[in-house]
Protein backbone atom coordinates (compact mmCIF):
# COMPACT_ATOMS: atom_id res chain seq x y z
CA MET A 1 0.10 0.17 -0.18
CA VAL A 2 1.45 3.14 -0.78
CA ARG A 3 0.81 6.54 1.22
CA PHE A 4 1.26 9.91 -0.26
CA THR A 5 1.66 13.10 2.05
CA LEU A 6 0.47 16.31 0.79
CA LYS A 7 2.38 18.52 2.87
CA ARG A 8 5.52 19.37 0.10
CA ILE A 9 2.94 20.09 -2.68
CA VAL A 10 0.03 21.96 -0.95
CA LEU A 11 0.81 25.46 -1.26
CA CYS A 12 -0.88 26.32 1.84
CA ALA A 13 2.10 24.38 3.59
CA SER A 14 4.56 26.73 1.88
CA SER A 15 5.54 30.59 1.48
CA ALA A 16 3.97 30.65 -1.86
CA CYS A 17 0.68 30.20 0.22
CA VAL A 18 1.56 32.53 2.49
CA ALA A 19 2.18 35.42 -0.05
CA MET A 20 -1.20 33.85 -1.86
CA VAL A 21 -2.98 34.40 1.37
CA SER A 22 -1.74 37.91 1.96
CA SER A 23 -2.69 38.85 -1.26
CA ALA A 24 -5.88 38.03 -1.14
CA ALA A 25 -6.46 39.55 2.75
CA ALA A 26 -5.10 42.82 0.66
CA GLN A 27 -7.89 42.63 -1.83
CA ASN A 28 -10.63 41.12 0.29
CA GLN A 29 -9.93 41.87 3.78
CA THR A 30 -10.17 38.01 4.14
CA PRO A 31 -7.76 35.52 3.30
CA ILE A 32 -8.53 32.52 1.37
CA PRO A 33 -9.48 29.31 3.19
CA ASP A 34 -7.28 26.61 3.63
CA PHE A 35 -8.90 23.21 3.05
CA SER A 36 -5.43 21.46 2.62
CA SER A 37 -2.74 22.02 5.11
CA ASN A 38 -1.19 19.25 7.57
CA ASN A 39 -2.48 16.73 5.11
CA ALA A 40 -6.26 17.56 6.31
CA GLY A 41 -8.93 15.41 4.07
CA TRP A 42 -12.56 15.78 4.82
CA THR A 43 -14.89 12.60 5.24
CA GLY A 44 -18.57 13.16 4.31
CA MET A 45 -21.10 13.13 7.14
CA GLY A 46 -24.28 11.95 5.78
CA GLY A 47 -25.86 13.04 2.31
CA MET A 48 -27.36 16.25 1.05
CA THR A 49 -30.22 18.24 3.29
CA ALA A 50 -32.60 20.74 1.33
CA MET A 51 -31.99 24.40 2.76
CA PRO A 52 -35.21 26.44 3.96
CA GLY A 53 -36.94 27.32 0.67
CA SER A 54 -35.99 24.87 -1.38
CA PRO A 55 -37.82 21.28 -2.80
CA GLU A 56 -36.68 18.16 -1.15
CA PRO A 57 -34.29 15.99 -3.15
CA VAL A 58 -35.45 12.79 -4.15
CA GLY A 59 -35.93 10.14 -1.28
CA GLN A 60 -36.42 6.64 -0.19
CA ASP A 61 -39.79 5.17 -1.10
CA PRO A 62 -41.32 4.79 2.27
CA SER A 63 -42.86 1.40 1.46
CA ARG A 64 -39.12 0.02 0.90
CA PRO A 65 -37.01 1.06 3.78
CA LEU A 66 -33.51 2.08 3.16
CA ILE A 67 -31.46 -0.48 5.60
CA GLY A 68 -27.97 0.01 5.74
CA ASN A 69 -24.70 -2.49 6.70
CA ILE A 70 -24.06 -0.41 9.76
CA GLY A 71 -26.49 -0.16 12.51
CA ARG A 72 -28.94 -2.89 11.17
CA LEU A 73 -30.65 -4.91 14.04
CA PRO A 74 -30.34 -8.57 13.80
CA GLY A 75 -31.79 -10.47 11.51
CA GLN A 76 -32.32 -7.73 9.22
CA GLN A 77 -30.80 -7.64 5.58
CA PRO A 78 -29.16 -4.57 4.00
CA THR A 79 -30.97 -3.02 1.15
CA PHE A 80 -30.63 -0.67 -1.86
CA PRO A 81 -31.75 2.90 -2.80
CA TYR A 82 -35.23 2.53 -4.26
CA ALA A 83 -36.53 6.09 -5.15
CA ASN A 84 -40.04 7.88 -4.27
CA LEU A 85 -41.34 8.63 -7.32
CA THR A 86 -43.86 10.86 -5.83
CA ASN A 87 -41.50 13.32 -5.09
CA PRO A 88 -43.40 16.48 -6.67
CA ASN A 89 -39.93 18.52 -8.22
CA LEU A 90 -39.59 15.51 -10.52
CA THR A 91 -40.27 16.36 -14.25
CA PRO A 92 -41.82 13.38 -16.33
CA PHE A 93 -38.31 13.05 -17.89
CA ALA A 94 -36.80 12.27 -14.51
CA ARG A 95 -39.77 10.14 -12.98
CA GLU A 96 -39.56 7.98 -15.98
CA GLY A 97 -35.60 7.44 -15.43
CA LEU A 98 -36.11 6.74 -11.82
CA ARG A 99 -39.51 4.17 -12.49
CA LYS A 100 -36.88 2.28 -15.00
CA VAL A 101 -34.27 2.08 -12.15
CA ASN A 102 -36.69 0.89 -9.68
CA GLU A 103 -38.05 -1.51 -11.92
CA ALA A 104 -34.22 -2.70 -12.58
CA ALA A 105 -33.94 -3.07 -8.71
CA ASP A 106 -37.32 -5.11 -8.45
CA ALA A 107 -35.88 -7.54 -11.43
CA GLY A 108 -32.99 -8.01 -9.21
CA PHE A 109 -30.17 -5.63 -10.19
CA ALA A 110 -28.06 -4.86 -7.18
CA MET A 111 -27.89 -1.12 -6.91
CA TYR A 112 -24.42 -0.66 -5.63
CA SER A 113 -23.29 3.03 -6.00
CA ARG A 114 -21.55 3.89 -9.21
CA GLU A 115 -18.10 4.91 -7.67
CA SER A 116 -18.17 1.31 -5.98
CA ARG A 117 -18.44 -0.11 -9.22
CA CYS A 118 -15.54 2.41 -10.34
CA TRP A 119 -17.42 4.53 -12.15
CA HIS A 120 -17.07 8.44 -12.44
CA THR A 121 -19.82 10.09 -10.60
CA GLY A 122 -20.06 13.69 -11.92
CA VAL A 123 -21.47 16.68 -9.88
CA PRO A 124 -23.03 16.66 -7.39
CA VAL A 125 -22.95 12.91 -6.70
CA TYR A 126 -19.04 13.41 -5.97
CA LEU A 127 -19.68 15.43 -3.23
CA ASN A 128 -21.70 12.37 -1.80
CA ASN A 129 -18.57 9.79 -1.89
CA PRO A 130 -18.69 8.04 1.14
CA ALA A 131 -16.18 6.50 3.92
CA GLN A 132 -12.97 7.72 2.25
CA PRO A 133 -11.65 11.46 3.04
CA THR A 134 -11.44 14.07 -0.11
CA PHE A 135 -8.35 16.24 -0.26
CA PHE A 136 -7.67 19.44 -1.63
CA LEU A 137 -4.67 20.66 -3.69
CA GLN A 138 -4.58 24.64 -3.72
CA THR A 139 -2.66 26.49 -5.94
CA PRO A 140 -3.61 30.66 -7.28
CA THR A 141 -4.58 29.10 -10.57
CA GLU A 142 -6.68 25.62 -9.82
CA VAL A 143 -7.90 23.93 -7.11
CA THR A 144 -7.92 20.09 -7.40
CA THR A 145 -10.07 17.77 -5.32
CA ILE A 146 -9.08 13.87 -5.12
CA TRP A 147 -11.11 11.33 -3.50
CA GLN A 148 -8.75 8.80 -2.11
CA MET A 149 -10.89 5.92 -2.84
CA ASP A 150 -9.81 5.11 -6.50
CA GLN A 151 -8.39 8.57 -6.38
CA GLN A 152 -10.87 10.19 -8.39
CA VAL A 153 -10.26 13.94 -9.62
CA ARG A 154 -11.79 17.34 -10.05
CA HIS A 155 -10.14 20.22 -11.47
CA ILE A 156 -11.39 23.55 -11.00
CA TYR A 157 -9.64 26.43 -12.71
CA LEU A 158 -9.60 29.85 -10.58
CA ASN A 159 -10.58 33.29 -12.01
CA VAL A 160 -11.28 32.17 -15.61
CA PRO A 161 -14.62 32.20 -17.59
CA HIS A 162 -16.37 29.37 -18.67
CA SER A 163 -15.44 28.13 -22.45
CA GLY A 164 -17.50 28.81 -25.29
CA ASN A 165 -18.83 25.27 -25.77
CA PRO A 166 -17.23 23.01 -23.24
CA LYS A 167 -16.96 19.32 -24.25
CA PRO A 168 -18.93 17.24 -22.52
CA SER A 169 -17.03 15.31 -20.12
CA TRP A 170 -17.84 12.87 -16.50
CA TYR A 171 -16.99 16.27 -14.32
CA GLY A 172 -17.89 18.71 -16.88
CA GLU A 173 -16.10 21.71 -16.76
CA SER A 174 -15.58 23.77 -13.46
CA VAL A 175 -14.27 27.28 -12.91
CA GLY A 176 -14.22 28.98 -9.49
CA HIS A 177 -13.00 31.74 -7.67
CA TYR A 178 -12.73 32.63 -3.90
CA GLU A 179 -15.33 35.29 -2.40
CA GLY A 180 -13.67 36.35 0.89
CA ASN A 181 -13.62 32.81 2.99
CA THR A 182 -15.72 31.19 0.43
CA LEU A 183 -14.75 29.18 -2.64
CA VAL A 184 -17.34 29.20 -5.44
CA VAL A 185 -17.16 26.51 -7.83
CA ASP A 186 -19.61 26.91 -11.15
CA THR A 187 -19.78 23.28 -13.27
CA ILE A 188 -21.69 23.07 -16.78
CA GLY A 189 -20.74 20.73 -19.63
CA GLN A 190 -21.28 17.58 -17.99
CA ASN A 191 -22.44 14.20 -20.07
CA THR A 192 -25.46 12.68 -19.34
CA GLN A 193 -23.99 9.32 -18.12
CA THR A 194 -24.17 10.05 -14.93
CA PHE A 195 -26.81 10.96 -12.09
CA LEU A 196 -28.19 13.85 -10.00
CA ASP A 197 -28.13 11.29 -6.82
CA ASN A 198 -27.69 8.27 -5.49
CA PHE A 199 -31.09 7.40 -6.71
CA ARG A 200 -29.96 7.41 -10.01
CA THR A 201 -31.79 10.37 -10.84
CA PRO A 202 -31.16 11.33 -14.70
CA HIS A 203 -30.07 14.86 -16.18
CA SER A 204 -29.54 16.34 -19.43
CA ASP A 205 -26.64 18.17 -20.81
CA ARG A 206 -28.32 21.49 -19.39
CA LEU A 207 -27.14 20.41 -15.44
CA HIS A 208 -25.71 23.45 -14.09
CA VAL A 209 -23.77 23.08 -10.74
CA ILE A 210 -22.70 25.83 -8.39
CA GLU A 211 -20.87 24.90 -5.10
CA ARG A 212 -19.82 27.44 -2.47
CA TYR A 213 -17.44 25.98 0.18
CA ARG A 214 -16.09 27.20 3.40
CA LEU A 215 -14.93 26.34 6.91
CA VAL A 216 -17.39 26.04 10.25
CA ASP A 217 -17.02 25.01 13.44
CA ASN A 218 -13.61 26.24 13.83
CA GLY A 219 -12.18 24.71 10.96
CA ASN A 220 -13.13 21.25 11.97
CA THR A 221 -15.97 20.99 9.35
CA LEU A 222 -16.30 21.68 5.85
CA GLU A 223 -19.70 22.82 4.36
CA ALA A 224 -20.94 23.37 0.90
CA GLU A 225 -24.07 24.75 0.08
CA VAL A 226 -24.80 23.48 -3.65
CA THR A 227 -27.33 24.87 -6.11
CA ILE A 228 -28.54 22.21 -8.83
CA ASP A 229 -30.33 23.44 -11.82
CA ASP A 230 -31.33 21.50 -14.59
CA PRO A 231 -35.02 22.21 -16.01
CA VAL A 232 -34.96 19.12 -17.99
CA ALA A 233 -35.11 16.93 -14.92
CA LEU A 234 -36.07 19.36 -12.15
CA VAL A 235 -39.12 21.58 -11.82
CA GLN A 236 -37.22 23.56 -9.78
CA PRO A 237 -33.57 23.97 -8.49
CA LEU A 238 -32.62 22.25 -5.46
CA HIS A 239 -30.48 24.18 -3.04
CA VAL A 240 -28.95 21.73 -0.59
CA VAL A 241 -25.96 21.63 2.05
CA LYS A 242 -23.27 18.84 2.64
CA ARG A 243 -20.99 18.77 5.07
CA TRP A 244 -17.81 16.71 6.05
CA ARG A 245 -15.50 16.20 9.19
CA LYS A 246 -11.64 16.91 9.08
CA VAL A 247 -9.64 13.99 9.37
CA GLN A 248 -5.79 14.15 9.45
CA GLY A 249 -3.38 11.97 7.79
CA PRO A 250 -1.42 11.23 4.63
CA MET A 251 -3.70 10.03 1.47
CA THR A 252 -3.85 5.96 0.66
CA GLU A 253 -3.35 5.01 -2.60
CA SER A 254 -6.32 2.60 -3.95
CA ARG A 255 -7.31 0.88 -7.40
CA CYS A 256 -10.81 0.52 -7.84
CA ALA A 257 -10.55 -2.17 -10.50
CA ASP A 258 -9.42 -4.57 -7.66
CA GLY A 259 -12.81 -3.63 -5.72
CA GLU A 260 -14.74 -6.71 -6.99
CA MET A 261 -14.99 -7.95 -3.65
CA VAL A 262 -17.83 -4.97 -3.67
CA ASN A 263 -19.80 -7.43 -4.99
CA PRO A 264 -19.48 -10.46 -3.36
CA PHE A 265 -21.87 -12.65 -4.47
CA GLY A 266 -21.75 -12.32 -8.24
CA GLN A 267 -25.30 -10.35 -8.20
CA LYS A 268 -26.16 -8.56 -11.44
CA THR A 269 -25.03 -5.04 -11.42
CA ASP A 270 -23.10 -2.27 -13.07
CA PRO A 271 -20.26 -3.63 -15.02
CA ILE A 272 -16.40 -2.72 -14.42
CA PRO A 273 -15.76 0.01 -17.04
CA THR A 274 -12.73 -0.71 -19.36
CA ALA A 275 -11.24 1.50 -21.83
CA ARG A 276 -11.84 1.23 -25.44
CA THR A 277 -8.72 2.35 -26.44
CA ALA A 278 -5.22 2.66 -24.43
CA ASP A 279 -5.05 6.27 -22.72
CA PHE A 280 -1.24 6.14 -22.98
C-alpha cells in the first residue's frame, strides 16, 4: 500500500501560500480558506439536505425502507436505494428514468453505488462519495480535489470564464473563484452518463451546479451550499447543504478495479468499466 503526503505539494504549507493568502487579504480583507494544510482530508457526514425554501431531493420510497450495513438490527438484511417517485419536483423525464431504475431493482439488479463499481460519478454525486476522505490541492490558478478511493479527481480552474462550448465530460468544466472565506465553483458541460443523486435520477446536458465551500466549526467541518439546476429533470432548482468532518493523515493509494469484492455474491450490477482504447 502506498501512502502519499500532501505537505510538500500543497501551497498552503509553503511560503507561496503565505504570499497568496496575504494578497487575498489585502484585496478582500479576508484570507482565502485553507482546505488542505497539514494533510487535512474531509470525510462526508451523511447526504445532502435541503436548505430552507428549497424543494426536497429525491428520497427513499417509504414502502421500501433503506437498511444499511451499519446499524441494522439482528436478522435484518441490507437493502439498496429505491426512489420515491411521488417527489413533486421531478419532471416526467426524471420520473420515468427513476421508474426504470426501480424496475431494474425489482428484477434483481443490485444497486451498488456507481463509484463502488469504478464509474466516475459526476457532480453533484461526487460530493456524496462515502467513507474515504477527499483532499484539496490549492494553487493560485487551480483547485484540485482527490477522493482517496480510486483517486477520483476534479479540476477547478480559478479566475477564468467558462469556455464557449465545453466538450461534455464526466465531471464537466468547473471554474471557480474566492469570495472572502468561500470557494465558489461553477460547473457545466457534463455528459449525461451520470446522475443527480444516489437514486440515479437522470439529468440532461443543461445541468448546472454551483458549490460554495467554507470552513465552519473552528475549521473542523467543511460545508458546501450547492445549487443544482436542470430544467429538464427538475421543476425547480435544488438548494442543498453537504458537510464533511476533518481528518488528518496522508492520502492512501487505492485501485478501484481491484474492488470486485464489493460484489461478493456475483449479483447482476454495473460492470467494471473498461477503456476502448489505451490512454497512454
